Amino acid sequence: MSVEKLDTLEVRVKKMLDLIMELRRDKSHLEQELEAAREQLAKQQEMTQGWEEERGTIRSRIEKVLGELDFLERSSE
């Protein structure tokens, strides 16, 4: 093998190694972003569940008040 071919091969191998390192950094960064997004989604799901429970409580209370108003309306007739 000639020296020129070895130099070319060495340059190509170095470029390949640089690309591999860059891809590993990108992968690590994307994994961190994914984990942060999963944590945010979990928090939002917890909040949504809380809001649904609160909505159910409010609905029950409103239905109770409406029932009492209906009772008062019927008893005054």
PDB file of N, CA and C in Angstrom:
ATOM      1  N   MET A   1       0.844  -1.167   0.000  1.00  0.00           N
ATOM      2  CA  MET A   1       0.000   0.000   0.000  1.00  0.00           C
ATOM      3  C   MET A   1       0.893   1.233   0.000  1.00  0.00           C
ATOM      4  N   SER A   2       0.489   2.189  -0.780  1.00  0.00           N
ATOM      5  CA  SER A   2       1.294   3.395  -0.853  1.00  0.00           C
ATOM      6  C   SER A   2       1.001   4.298   0.345  1.00  0.00           C
ATOM      7  N   VAL A   3       1.914   5.216   0.595  1.00  0.00           N
ATOM      8  CA  VAL A   3       1.767   6.150   1.708  1.00  0.00           C
ATOM      9  C   VAL A   3       0.549   7.037   1.498  1.00  0.00           C
ATOM     10  N   GLU A   4       0.285   7.418   0.258  1.00  0.00           N
ATOM     11  CA  GLU A   4      -0.883   8.261  -0.043  1.00  0.00           C
ATOM     12  C   GLU A   4      -2.178   7.537   0.321  1.00  0.00           C
ATOM     13  N   LYS A   5      -2.248   6.268  -0.013  1.00  0.00           N
ATOM     14  CA  LYS A   5      -3.451   5.487   0.313  1.00  0.00           C
ATOM     15  C   LYS A   5      -3.605   5.355   1.823  1.00  0.00           C
ATOM     16  N   LEU A   6      -2.507   5.154   2.538  1.00  0.00           N
ATOM     17  CA  LEU A   6      -2.577   5.072   3.992  1.00  0.00           C
ATOM     18  C   LEU A   6      -3.014   6.395   4.597  1.00  0.00           C
ATOM     19  N   ASP A   7      -2.505   7.509   4.047  1.00  0.00           N
ATOM     20  CA  ASP A   7      -2.921   8.834   4.519  1.00  0.00           C
ATOM     21  C   ASP A   7      -4.414   9.052   4.290  1.00  0.00           C
ATOM     22  N   THR A   8      -4.879   8.660   3.111  1.00  0.00           N
ATOM     23  CA  THR A   8      -6.300   8.796   2.786  1.00  0.00           C
ATOM     24  C   THR A   8      -7.140   7.939   3.734  1.00  0.00           C
ATOM     25  N   LEU A   9      -6.687   6.727   3.960  1.00  0.00           N
ATOM     26  CA  LEU A   9      -7.402   5.830   4.873  1.00  0.00           C
ATOM     27  C   LEU A   9      -7.422   6.400   6.280  1.00  0.00           C
ATOM     28  N   GLU A  10      -6.299   6.933   6.724  1.00  0.00           N
ATOM     29  CA  GLU A  10      -6.214   7.521   8.063  1.00  0.00           C
ATOM     30  C   GLU A  10      -7.177   8.706   8.203  1.00  0.00           C
ATOM     31  N   VAL A  11      -7.254   9.548   7.181  1.00  0.00           N
ATOM     32  CA  VAL A  11      -8.172  10.692   7.202  1.00  0.00           C
ATOM     33  C   VAL A  11      -9.618  10.202   7.262  1.00  0.00           C
ATOM     34  N   ARG A  12      -9.920   9.194   6.484  1.00  0.00           N
ATOM     35  CA  ARG A  12     -11.283   8.676   6.467  1.00  0.00           C
ATOM     36  C   ARG A  12     -11.649   8.047   7.809  1.00  0.00           C
ATOM     37  N   VAL A  13     -10.724   7.322   8.407  1.00  0.00           N
ATOM     38  CA  VAL A  13     -10.970   6.703   9.715  1.00  0.00           C
ATOM     39  C   VAL A  13     -11.181   7.793  10.764  1.00  0.00           C
ATOM     40  N   LYS A  14     -10.366   8.855  10.731  1.00  0.00           N
ATOM     41  CA  LYS A  14     -10.522   9.954  11.689  1.00  0.00           C
ATOM     42  C   LYS A  14     -11.890  10.624  11.533  1.00  0.00           C
ATOM     43  N   LYS A  15     -12.291  10.863  10.273  1.00  0.00           N
ATOM     44  CA  LYS A  15     -13.615  11.446  10.027  1.00  0.00           C
ATOM     45  C   LYS A  15     -14.716  10.542  10.576  1.00  0.00           C
ATOM     46  N   MET A  16     -14.542   9.245  10.365  1.00  0.00           N
ATOM     47  CA  MET A  16     -15.528   8.281  10.847  1.00  0.00           C
ATOM     48  C   MET A  16     -15.603   8.308  12.379  1.00  0.00           C
ATOM     49  N   LEU A  17     -14.451   8.356  13.042  1.00  0.00           N
ATOM     50  CA  LEU A  17     -14.429   8.414  14.504  1.00  0.00           C
ATOM     51  C   LEU A  17     -15.057   9.704  15.016  1.00  0.00           C
ATOM     52  N   ASP A  18     -14.781  10.821  14.338  1.00  0.00           N
ATOM     53  CA  ASP A  18     -15.391  12.097  14.718  1.00  0.00           C
ATOM     54  C   ASP A  18     -16.914  12.027  14.589  1.00  0.00           C
ATOM     55  N   LEU A  19     -17.371  11.411  13.501  1.00  0.00           N
ATOM     56  CA  LEU A  19     -18.808  11.260  13.286  1.00  0.00           C
ATOM     57  C   LEU A  19     -19.429  10.388  14.373  1.00  0.00           C
ATOM     58  N   ILE A  20     -18.757   9.306  14.729  1.00  0.00           N
ATOM     59  CA  ILE A  20     -19.259   8.423  15.781  1.00  0.00           C
ATOM     60  C   ILE A  20     -19.364   9.175  17.103  1.00  0.00           C
ATOM     61  N   MET A  21     -18.359   9.964  17.436  1.00  0.00           N
ATOM     62  CA  MET A  21     -18.392  10.739  18.687  1.00  0.00           C
ATOM     63  C   MET A  21     -19.528  11.758  18.669  1.00  0.00           C
ATOM     64  N   GLU A  22     -19.717  12.407  17.532  1.00  0.00           N
ATOM     65  CA  GLU A  22     -20.805  13.380  17.410  1.00  0.00           C
ATOM     66  C   GLU A  22     -22.160  12.695  17.567  1.00  0.00           C
ATOM     67  N   LEU A  23     -22.310  11.547  16.951  1.00  0.00           N
ATOM     68  CA  LEU A  23     -23.572  10.806  17.058  1.00  0.00           C
ATOM     69  C   LEU A  23     -23.835  10.349  18.490  1.00  0.00           C
ATOM     70  N   ARG A  24     -22.786   9.960  19.202  1.00  0.00           N
ATOM     71  CA  ARG A  24     -22.955   9.557  20.602  1.00  0.00           C
ATOM     72  C   ARG A  24     -23.388  10.742  21.453  1.00  0.00           C
ATOM     73  N   ARG A  25     -22.791  11.921  21.200  1.00  0.00           N
ATOM     74  CA  ARG A  25     -23.204  13.121  21.944  1.00  0.00           C
ATOM     75  C   ARG A  25     -24.660  13.462  21.647  1.00  0.00           C
ATOM     76  N   ASP A  26     -25.028  13.396  20.363  1.00  0.00           N
ATOM     77  CA  ASP A  26     -26.416  13.668  19.976  1.00  0.00           C
ATOM     78  C   ASP A  26     -27.373  12.685  20.639  1.00  0.00           C
ATOM     79  N   LYS A  27     -26.977  11.416  20.652  1.00  0.00           N
ATOM     80  CA  LYS A  27     -27.815  10.380  21.271  1.00  0.00           C
ATOM     81  C   LYS A  27     -28.016  10.675  22.757  1.00  0.00           C
ATOM     82  N   SER A  28     -26.937  11.022  23.427  1.00  0.00           N
ATOM     83  CA  SER A  28     -27.016  11.332  24.852  1.00  0.00           C
ATOM     84  C   SER A  28     -27.938  12.531  25.099  1.00  0.00           C
ATOM     85  N   HIS A  29     -27.780  13.549  24.272  1.00  0.00           N
ATOM     86  CA  HIS A  29     -28.622  14.744  24.407  1.00  0.00           C
ATOM     87  C   HIS A  29     -30.095  14.397  24.173  1.00  0.00           C
ATOM     88  N   LEU A  30     -30.364  13.600  23.156  1.00  0.00           N
ATOM     89  CA  LEU A  30     -31.748  13.217  22.860  1.00  0.00           C
ATOM     90  C   LEU A  30     -32.341  12.349  23.970  1.00  0.00           C
ATOM     91  N   GLU A  31     -31.519  11.487  24.567  1.00  0.00           N
ATOM     92  CA  GLU A  31     -32.010  10.667  25.679  1.00  0.00           C
ATOM     93  C   GLU A  31     -32.383  11.551  26.870  1.00  0.00           C
ATOM     94  N   GLN A  32     -31.583  12.585  27.122  1.00  0.00           N
ATOM     95  CA  GLN A  32     -31.899  13.515  28.214  1.00  0.00           C
ATOM     96  C   GLN A  32     -33.190  14.267  27.924  1.00  0.00           C
ATOM     97  N   GLU A  33     -33.349  14.728  26.677  1.00  0.00           N
ATOM     98  CA  GLU A  33     -34.582  15.425  26.302  1.00  0.00           C
ATOM     99  C   GLU A  33     -35.793  14.501  26.433  1.00  0.00           C
ATOM    100  N   LEU A  34     -35.637  13.254  26.029  1.00  0.00           N
ATOM    101  CA  LEU A  34     -36.731  12.285  26.127  1.00  0.00           C
ATOM    102  C   LEU A  34     -37.120  12.056  27.582  1.00  0.00           C
ATOM    103  N   GLU A  35     -36.141  11.913  28.448  1.00  0.00           N
ATOM    104  CA  GLU A  35     -36.428  11.703  29.871  1.00  0.00           C
ATOM    105  C   GLU A  35     -37.157  12.913  30.462  1.00  0.00           C
ATOM    106  N   ALA A  36     -36.704  14.107  30.093  1.00  0.00           N
ATOM    107  CA  ALA A  36     -37.365  15.326  30.581  1.00  0.00           C
ATOM    108  C   ALA A  36     -38.804  15.386  30.072  1.00  0.00           C
ATOM    109  N   ALA A  37     -39.016  15.018  28.816  1.00  0.00           N
ATOM    110  CA  ALA A  37     -40.369  15.032  28.251  1.00  0.00           C
ATOM    111  C   ALA A  37     -41.257  13.999  28.947  1.00  0.00           C
ATOM    112  N   ARG A  38     -40.702  12.830  29.259  1.00  0.00           N
ATOM    113  CA  ARG A  38     -41.477  11.805  29.972  1.00  0.00           C
ATOM    114  C   ARG A  38     -41.862  12.285  31.364  1.00  0.00           C
ATOM    115  N   GLU A  39     -40.934  12.952  32.050  1.00  0.00           N
ATOM    116  CA  GLU A  39     -41.234  13.475  33.385  1.00  0.00           C
ATOM    117  C   GLU A  39     -42.325  14.533  33.312  1.00  0.00           C
ATOM    118  N   GLN A  40     -42.227  15.412  32.316  1.00  0.00           N
ATOM    119  CA  GLN A  40     -43.240  16.456  32.155  1.00  0.00           C
ATOM    120  C   GLN A  40     -44.607  15.832  31.847  1.00  0.00           C
ATOM    121  N   LEU A  41     -44.624  14.823  31.002  1.00  0.00           N
ATOM    122  CA  LEU A  41     -45.875  14.142  30.671  1.00  0.00           C
ATOM    123  C   LEU A  41     -46.481  13.492  31.909  1.00  0.00           C
ATOM    124  N   ALA A  42     -45.650  12.868  32.732  1.00  0.00           N
ATOM    125  CA  ALA A  42     -46.152  12.234  33.957  1.00  0.00           C
ATOM    126  C   ALA A  42     -46.769  13.275  34.884  1.00  0.00           C
ATOM    127  N   LYS A  43     -46.121  14.434  35.018  1.00  0.00           N
ATOM    128  CA  LYS A  43     -46.662  15.508  35.857  1.00  0.00           C
ATOM    129  C   LYS A  43     -47.993  16.006  35.309  1.00  0.00           C
ATOM    130  N   GLN A  44     -48.065  16.162  33.981  1.00  0.00           N
ATOM    131  CA  GLN A  44     -49.310  16.626  33.379  1.00  0.00           C
ATOM    132  C   GLN A  44     -50.427  15.606  33.557  1.00  0.00           C
ATOM    133  N   GLN A  45     -50.087  14.330  33.477  1.00  0.00           N
ATOM    134  CA  GLN A  45     -51.102  13.296  33.682  1.00  0.00           C
ATOM    135  C   GLN A  45     -51.607  13.316  35.118  1.00  0.00           C
ATOM    136  N   GLU A  46     -50.716  13.557  36.075  1.00  0.00           N
ATOM    137  CA  GLU A  46     -51.138  13.665  37.471  1.00  0.00           C
ATOM    138  C   GLU A  46     -52.069  14.853  37.656  1.00  0.00           C
ATOM    139  N   MET A  47     -51.705  15.988  37.041  1.00  0.00           N
ATOM    140  CA  MET A  47     -52.552  17.173  37.146  1.00  0.00           C
ATOM    141  C   MET A  47     -53.921  16.924  36.530  1.00  0.00           C
ATOM    142  N   THR A  48     -53.931  16.267  35.378  1.00  0.00           N
ATOM    143  CA  THR A  48     -55.196  15.968  34.706  1.00  0.00           C
ATOM    144  C   THR A  48     -56.067  15.086  35.580  1.00  0.00           C
ATOM    145  N   GLN A  49     -55.468  14.096  36.207  1.00  0.00           N
ATOM    146  CA  GLN A  49     -56.223  13.217  37.082  1.00  0.00           C
ATOM    147  C   GLN A  49     -56.808  14.011  38.254  1.00  0.00           C
ATOM    148  N   GLY A  50     -56.017  14.912  38.805  1.00  0.00           N
ATOM    149  CA  GLY A  50     -56.511  15.755  39.895  1.00  0.00           C
ATOM    150  C   GLY A  50     -57.676  16.624  39.457  1.00  0.00           C
ATOM    151  N   TRP A  51     -57.542  17.190  38.247  1.00  0.00           N
ATOM    152  CA  TRP A  51     -58.629  18.028  37.731  1.00  0.00           C
ATOM    153  C   TRP A  51     -59.889  17.210  37.496  1.00  0.00           C
ATOM    154  N   GLU A  52     -59.744  15.983  37.028  1.00  0.00           N
ATOM    155  CA  GLU A  52     -60.906  15.125  36.807  1.00  0.00           C
ATOM    156  C   GLU A  52     -61.593  14.804  38.136  1.00  0.00           C
ATOM    157  N   GLU A  53     -60.799  14.539  39.160  1.00  0.00           N
ATOM    158  CA  GLU A  53     -61.376  14.268  40.476  1.00  0.00           C
ATOM    159  C   GLU A  53     -62.097  15.503  41.005  1.00  0.00           C
ATOM    160  N   GLU A  54     -61.459  16.659  40.838  1.00  0.00           N
ATOM    161  CA  GLU A  54     -62.084  17.913  41.293  1.00  0.00           C
ATOM    162  C   GLU A  54     -63.368  18.181  40.513  1.00  0.00           C
ATOM    163  N   ARG A  55     -63.340  17.907  39.235  1.00  0.00           N
ATOM    164  CA  ARG A  55     -64.529  18.094  38.397  1.00  0.00           C
ATOM    165  C   ARG A  55     -65.668  17.207  38.892  1.00  0.00           C
ATOM    166  N   GLY A  56     -65.348  15.961  39.236  1.00  0.00           N
ATOM    167  CA  GLY A  56     -66.367  15.049  39.745  1.00  0.00           C
ATOM    168  C   GLY A  56     -66.949  15.537  41.059  1.00  0.00           C
ATOM    169  N   THR A  57     -66.086  16.060  41.936  1.00  0.00           N
ATOM    170  CA  THR A  57     -66.552  16.593  43.217  1.00  0.00           C
ATOM    171  C   THR A  57     -67.479  17.782  43.003  1.00  0.00           C
ATOM    172  N   ILE A  58     -67.062  18.686  42.131  1.00  0.00           N
ATOM    173  CA  ILE A  58     -67.881  19.878  41.853  1.00  0.00           C
ATOM    174  C   ILE A  58     -69.208  19.468  41.236  1.00  0.00           C
ATOM    175  N   ARG A  59     -69.162  18.513  40.327  1.00  0.00           N
ATOM    176  CA  ARG A  59     -70.397  18.050  39.688  1.00  0.00           C
ATOM    177  C   ARG A  59     -71.364  17.476  40.729  1.00  0.00           C
ATOM    178  N   SER A  60     -70.833  16.678  41.638  1.00  0.00           N
ATOM    179  CA  SER A  60     -71.681  16.085  42.682  1.00  0.00           C
ATOM    180  C   SER A  60     -72.304  17.163  43.558  1.00  0.00           C
ATOM    181  N   ARG A  61     -71.508  18.150  43.903  1.00  0.00           N
ATOM    182  CA  ARG A  61     -72.026  19.229  44.764  1.00  0.00           C
ATOM    183  C   ARG A  61     -73.106  20.032  44.045  1.00  0.00           C
ATOM    184  N   ILE A  62     -72.889  20.298  42.757  1.00  0.00           N
ATOM    185  CA  ILE A  62     -73.887  21.046  41.983  1.00  0.00           C
ATOM    186  C   ILE A  62     -75.173  20.238  41.871  1.00  0.00           C
ATOM    187  N   GLU A  63     -75.039  18.932  41.594  1.00  0.00           N
ATOM    188  CA  GLU A  63     -76.232  18.085  41.506  1.00  0.00           C
ATOM    189  C   GLU A  63     -76.974  18.057  42.839  1.00  0.00           C
ATOM    190  N   LYS A  64     -76.249  18.052  43.938  1.00  0.00           N
ATOM    191  CA  LYS A  64     -76.878  18.062  45.261  1.00  0.00           C
ATOM    192  C   LYS A  64     -77.646  19.360  45.473  1.00  0.00           C
ATOM    193  N   VAL A  65     -77.018  20.489  45.135  1.00  0.00           N
ATOM    194  CA  VAL A  65     -77.690  21.787  45.308  1.00  0.00           C
ATOM    195  C   VAL A  65     -78.914  21.866  44.410  1.00  0.00           C
ATOM    196  N   LEU A  66     -78.777  21.410  43.169  1.00  0.00           N
ATOM    197  CA  LEU A  66     -79.933  21.431  42.261  1.00  0.00           C
ATOM    198  C   LEU A  66     -81.060  20.542  42.787  1.00  0.00           C
ATOM    199  N   GLY A  67     -80.699  19.422  43.365  1.00  0.00           N
ATOM    200  CA  GLY A  67     -81.712  18.546  43.961  1.00  0.00           C
ATOM    201  C   GLY A  67     -82.416  19.226  45.123  1.00  0.00           C
ATOM    202  N   GLU A  68     -81.660  19.932  45.944  1.00  0.00           N
ATOM    203  CA  GLU A  68     -82.264  20.648  47.065  1.00  0.00           C
ATOM    204  C   GLU A  68     -83.157  21.765  46.579  1.00  0.00           C
ATOM    205  N   LEU A  69     -82.723  22.477  45.533  1.00  0.00           N
ATOM    206  CA  LEU A  69     -83.564  23.542  44.969  1.00  0.00           C
ATOM    207  C   LEU A  69     -84.841  22.961  44.383  1.00  0.00           C
ATOM    208  N   ASP A  70     -84.728  21.826  43.726  1.00  0.00           N
ATOM    209  CA  ASP A  70     -85.895  21.160  43.159  1.00  0.00           C
ATOM    210  C   ASP A  70     -86.856  20.744  44.274  1.00  0.00           C
ATOM    211  N   PHE A  71     -86.316  20.228  45.368  1.00  0.00           N
ATOM    212  CA  PHE A  71     -87.118  19.837  46.502  1.00  0.00           C
ATOM    213  C   PHE A  71     -87.856  21.057  47.092  1.00  0.00           C
ATOM    214  N   LEU A  72     -87.109  22.166  47.245  1.00  0.00           N
ATOM    215  CA  LEU A  72     -87.721  23.379  47.784  1.00  0.00           C
ATOM    216  C   LEU A  72     -88.812  23.905  46.858  1.00  0.00           C
ATOM    217  N   GLU A  73     -88.575  23.805  45.564  1.00  0.00           N
ATOM    218  CA  GLU A  73     -89.559  24.270  44.593  1.00  0.00           C
ATOM    219  C   GLU A  73     -90.824  23.437  44.690  1.00  0.00           C
ATOM    220  N   ARG A  74     -90.681  22.113  44.811  1.00  0.00           N
ATOM    221  CA  ARG A  74     -91.835  21.239  44.888  1.00  0.00           C
ATOM    222  C   ARG A  74     -92.581  21.402  46.214  1.00  0.00           C
ATOM    223  N   SER A  75     -91.847  21.633  47.268  1.00  0.00           N
ATOM    224  CA  SER A  75     -92.505  21.741  48.565  1.00  0.00           C
ATOM    225  C   SER A  75     -93.221  23.082  48.728  1.00  0.00           C
ATOM    226  N   SER A  76     -92.855  24.083  47.949  1.00  0.00           N
ATOM    227  CA  SER A  76     -93.526  25.379  48.068  1.00  0.00           C
ATOM    228  C   SER A  76     -94.773  25.453  47.213  1.00  0.00           C
ATOM    229  N   GLU A  77     -95.002  24.464  46.378  1.00  0.00           N
ATOM    230  CA  GLU A  77     -96.188  24.488  45.516  1.00  0.00           C
ATOM    231  C   GLU A  77     -97.416  24.009  46.195  1.00  0.00           C
TER     232      GLU A  77
END
